[in-house]
Protein backbone atom coordinates (compact mmCIF):
# COMPACT_ATOMS: atom_id res chain seq x y z
CA UNK A 1 -12.10 -23.23 8.35
CA UNK A 2 -11.71 -19.45 8.86
CA UNK A 3 -13.77 -17.37 6.46
CA UNK A 4 -11.80 -14.73 4.58
CA UNK A 5 -13.58 -11.29 4.72
CA UNK A 6 -14.55 -9.83 1.34
CA UNK A 7 -13.13 -6.33 0.80
CA UNK A 8 -14.96 -3.59 -1.00
CA UNK A 9 -14.75 0.14 -1.39
CA UNK A 10 -14.81 3.12 -3.77
CA UNK A 11 -13.14 3.21 -7.18
CA UNK A 12 -12.26 5.69 -9.93
CA UNK A 13 -12.61 4.41 -13.49
CA UNK A 14 -9.99 5.07 -16.18
CA UNK A 15 -10.44 8.58 -17.55
CA UNK A 16 -9.78 7.21 -21.05
CA UNK A 17 -13.28 5.70 -20.89
CA UNK A 18 -11.91 2.36 -21.99
CA UNK A 19 -11.20 -0.87 -20.19
CA UNK A 20 -8.57 -0.85 -17.50
CA UNK A 21 -5.15 -1.69 -18.64
CA UNK A 22 -3.62 -1.36 -15.20
CA UNK A 23 -4.76 -1.18 -11.57
CA UNK A 24 -3.69 0.91 -8.62
CA UNK A 25 -5.01 -0.32 -5.21
CA UNK A 26 -4.85 2.16 -2.34
CA UNK A 27 -4.49 0.79 1.18
CA UNK A 28 -5.57 3.29 3.84
CA UNK A 29 -4.29 3.86 7.30
CA UNK A 30 -5.65 2.91 10.69
CA UNK A 31 -9.01 4.47 11.58
CA UNK A 32 -9.56 5.70 7.97
CA UNK A 33 -11.51 4.01 5.14
CA UNK A 34 -11.28 3.59 1.38
CA UNK A 35 -13.02 6.95 0.73
CA UNK A 36 -9.93 8.77 2.10
CA UNK A 37 -7.23 7.59 -0.31
CA UNK A 38 -9.49 7.36 -3.44
CA UNK A 39 -9.16 11.23 -3.39
CA UNK A 40 -5.56 10.68 -4.65
CA UNK A 41 -6.84 9.24 -7.91
CA UNK A 42 -7.43 12.62 -9.63
CA UNK A 43 -3.84 13.63 -8.96
CA UNK A 44 -2.57 10.64 -10.98
CA UNK A 45 -5.37 9.91 -13.40
CA UNK A 46 -4.13 12.21 -16.25
CA UNK A 47 -0.73 10.55 -16.14
CA UNK A 48 -2.34 7.11 -16.07
CA UNK A 49 -5.47 7.44 -18.24
CA UNK A 50 -5.99 3.73 -18.63
CA UNK A 51 -5.73 2.89 -14.94
CA UNK A 52 -8.53 1.87 -12.64
CA UNK A 53 -8.03 3.09 -9.10
CA UNK A 54 -9.44 1.01 -6.23
CA UNK A 55 -9.53 1.85 -2.54
CA UNK A 56 -11.00 -1.02 -0.42
CA UNK A 57 -12.03 -0.59 3.16
CA UNK A 58 -9.95 -2.61 5.62
CA UNK A 59 -11.82 -5.66 6.85
CA UNK A 60 -12.19 -4.67 10.50
CA UNK A 61 -14.22 -1.89 12.13
CA UNK A 62 -12.10 0.48 14.23
CA UNK A 63 -13.33 0.84 17.76
CA UNK A 64 -14.26 4.35 18.72
CA UNK A 65 -13.92 5.72 15.20
CA UNK A 66 -17.24 6.08 13.34
CA UNK A 67 -16.89 4.78 9.81
CA UNK A 68 -13.25 3.99 10.55
CA UNK A 69 -11.59 0.72 9.58
CA UNK A 70 -8.41 -1.08 10.53
CA UNK A 71 -6.24 -3.82 8.99
CA UNK A 72 -5.55 -4.95 12.51
CA UNK A 73 -6.05 -3.71 16.09
CA UNK A 74 -3.56 -1.36 17.78
CA UNK A 75 -4.34 -2.51 21.29
CA UNK A 76 -0.68 -3.38 21.49
CA UNK A 77 2.10 -1.44 19.78
CA UNK A 78 4.91 -3.92 20.31
CA UNK A 79 7.00 -5.19 17.33
CA UNK A 80 5.58 -8.71 18.05
CA UNK A 81 2.01 -7.34 17.88
CA UNK A 82 2.75 -5.64 14.57
CA UNK A 83 4.29 -8.78 13.14
CA UNK A 84 1.27 -10.81 14.13
CA UNK A 85 -1.20 -8.07 13.18
CA UNK A 86 -0.02 -7.60 9.53
CA UNK A 87 -0.83 -11.27 8.91
CA UNK A 88 -4.41 -10.91 10.16
CA UNK A 89 -5.70 -9.18 7.00
CA UNK A 90 -3.12 -10.51 4.45
CA UNK A 91 -5.46 -13.33 3.25
CA UNK A 92 -8.28 -10.85 2.60
CA UNK A 93 -6.00 -8.46 0.78
CA UNK A 94 -4.54 -11.27 -1.32
CA UNK A 95 -8.03 -12.51 -2.19
CA UNK A 96 -9.10 -8.98 -3.16
CA UNK A 97 -5.99 -8.59 -5.42
CA UNK A 98 -6.69 -11.97 -7.04
CA UNK A 99 -10.34 -11.08 -7.67
CA UNK A 100 -9.58 -7.72 -9.15
CA UNK A 101 -6.91 -9.03 -11.50
CA UNK A 102 -9.23 -11.82 -12.66
CA UNK A 103 -12.17 -9.43 -13.06
CA UNK A 104 -10.19 -7.14 -15.33
CA UNK A 105 -8.12 -9.75 -17.17
CA UNK A 106 -4.84 -8.37 -15.94
CA UNK A 107 -1.62 -9.88 -14.50
CA UNK A 108 0.41 -8.78 -11.51
CA UNK A 109 2.83 -6.77 -13.59
CA UNK A 110 -0.10 -4.40 -14.30
CA UNK A 111 -0.85 -3.73 -10.64
CA UNK A 112 0.68 -1.33 -8.11
CA UNK A 113 -0.12 -1.07 -4.45
CA UNK A 114 -0.09 2.37 -2.72
CA UNK A 115 -0.28 2.36 1.07
CA UNK A 116 -0.46 4.97 3.80
CA UNK A 117 0.73 4.22 7.36
CA UNK A 118 -0.86 0.91 8.38
CA UNK A 119 -1.75 0.40 4.70
CA UNK A 120 1.93 0.73 3.81
CA UNK A 121 2.72 -2.02 6.28
CA UNK A 122 0.15 -4.22 4.47
CA UNK A 123 1.54 -3.38 1.02
CA UNK A 124 5.18 -4.10 2.14
CA UNK A 125 4.11 -7.32 3.75
CA UNK A 126 1.84 -8.75 1.04
CA UNK A 127 3.57 -7.55 -2.15
CA UNK A 128 6.93 -9.32 -1.74
CA UNK A 129 5.24 -12.57 -0.63
CA UNK A 130 3.12 -12.92 -3.72
CA UNK A 131 4.07 -15.62 -6.25
CA UNK A 132 4.25 -13.18 -9.22
CA UNK A 133 5.91 -9.75 -8.94
CA UNK A 134 3.71 -6.67 -8.81
CA UNK A 135 4.48 -3.63 -11.00
CA UNK A 136 5.47 -1.64 -7.87
CA UNK A 137 4.68 -0.57 -4.37
CA UNK A 138 4.49 2.99 -2.97
CA UNK A 139 4.60 3.33 0.82
CA UNK A 140 3.71 6.67 2.41
CA UNK A 141 4.49 7.23 6.09
CA UNK A 142 4.85 3.51 6.93
CA UNK A 143 7.28 0.82 7.91
CA UNK A 144 8.08 -2.90 7.65
CA UNK A 145 5.71 -4.54 10.13
CA UNK A 146 7.57 -7.87 10.27
CA UNK A 147 11.17 -7.18 9.20
CA UNK A 148 12.69 -10.18 10.84
CA UNK A 149 10.66 -12.64 8.73
CA UNK A 150 11.10 -10.88 5.37
CA UNK A 151 14.40 -12.48 4.29
CA UNK A 152 12.96 -16.02 4.81
CA UNK A 153 9.57 -15.20 3.21
CA UNK A 154 10.31 -12.97 0.28
CA UNK A 155 9.25 -14.52 -3.04
CA UNK A 156 9.25 -11.54 -5.48
CA UNK A 157 10.91 -8.15 -5.49
CA UNK A 158 8.79 -5.44 -7.01
CA UNK A 159 10.26 -1.93 -7.21
CA UNK A 160 9.42 0.21 -4.14
CA UNK A 161 9.06 3.95 -3.44
CA UNK A 162 9.08 5.03 0.20
CA UNK A 163 8.05 8.59 1.21
CA UNK A 164 8.00 9.97 4.68
CA UNK A 165 7.85 13.31 6.47
CA UNK A 166 10.73 14.18 8.76
CA UNK A 167 8.25 15.65 11.33
CA UNK A 168 6.08 12.52 11.53
CA UNK A 169 5.20 12.02 15.19
CA UNK A 170 3.06 8.91 14.54
CA UNK A 171 5.70 6.78 12.73
CA UNK A 172 9.05 8.59 12.97
CA UNK A 173 11.06 8.92 9.76
CA UNK A 174 13.63 6.37 11.11
CA UNK A 175 11.07 3.78 10.00
CA UNK A 176 11.74 4.74 6.38
CA UNK A 177 15.53 4.47 6.80
CA UNK A 178 15.23 1.12 8.51
CA UNK A 179 12.96 -0.25 5.78
CA UNK A 180 15.09 1.10 3.00
CA UNK A 181 18.24 -0.47 4.58
CA UNK A 182 16.58 -3.86 4.99
CA UNK A 183 14.96 -3.91 1.55
CA UNK A 184 18.18 -2.89 -0.18
CA UNK A 185 20.00 -5.60 1.73
CA UNK A 186 17.68 -8.07 0.12
CA UNK A 187 18.36 -6.57 -3.38
CA UNK A 188 15.06 -4.72 -3.75
CA UNK A 189 15.07 -1.75 -6.07
CA UNK A 190 14.16 0.95 -3.53
CA UNK A 191 13.83 4.74 -3.88
CA UNK A 192 13.21 6.87 -0.85
CA UNK A 193 12.22 10.50 -0.24
CA UNK A 194 11.99 12.45 2.95
CA UNK A 195 9.78 15.53 2.93
CA UNK A 196 11.09 18.35 5.16
CA UNK A 197 8.64 19.70 7.69
CA UNK A 198 5.93 17.10 6.87
CA UNK A 199 4.10 15.24 9.55
CA UNK A 200 2.02 12.04 9.20
CA UNK A 201 0.59 12.97 5.84
CA UNK A 202 1.17 13.13 2.07
CA UNK A 203 2.43 16.31 0.35
CA UNK A 204 2.67 17.59 -3.18
CA UNK A 205 6.24 16.47 -3.73
CA UNK A 206 5.25 13.00 -2.58
CA UNK A 207 2.36 12.94 -5.05
CA UNK A 208 4.62 14.04 -7.87
CA UNK A 209 7.18 11.37 -7.04
CA UNK A 210 4.39 8.81 -6.84
CA UNK A 211 3.06 9.82 -10.31
CA UNK A 212 6.52 9.42 -11.88
CA UNK A 213 7.03 6.09 -10.18
CA UNK A 214 3.67 4.77 -11.28
CA UNK A 215 4.31 5.94 -14.90
CA UNK A 216 7.59 4.04 -14.84
CA UNK A 217 5.85 0.94 -13.50
CA UNK A 218 2.64 1.00 -15.46
CA UNK A 219 2.56 3.34 -18.48
């Protein structure tokens, strides 16, 4: 029996000082770690004072990147490799989600996933395949890693916000348009925003859109 890795990483407690009434889980990109995206929490904390922000490290070390982590290896960049890769860490992420919901006495409708790049691929893969619908998913600079399987495997349809820069040279903005088209074709509620001049990053307009989306989902 394969052992599922246990995820852990930094967190930011609700600024209300009370118990968490909702959760936001950040999923970082390839070669980064949980300490990267937890820096987004202060941008959204005032709008979501009762929210606990969590930013787990991906389960695998990233070769050649000190302190870097990965959800799966990028030794191959083919569509088949992405489709297989996104499933590698899905059990660990699902176990982490289950554990955090149980620890805080919350249900899926009080949880949003926020991914960047490879983390967006994880969020868009895991979220729609969970038995109970999440409150929402935000995907920055990402894509659907296994689009061909989604129609057969979708279980729930949380609302989704996709944000991408039109100068992204790591994952071109066409990835957003393709994901939006496919998700809408499956009757997901999808909003999308393209940031002019932005590369593979997150900008202020994206953060503002993310805040409004999370307020709608969680507040």
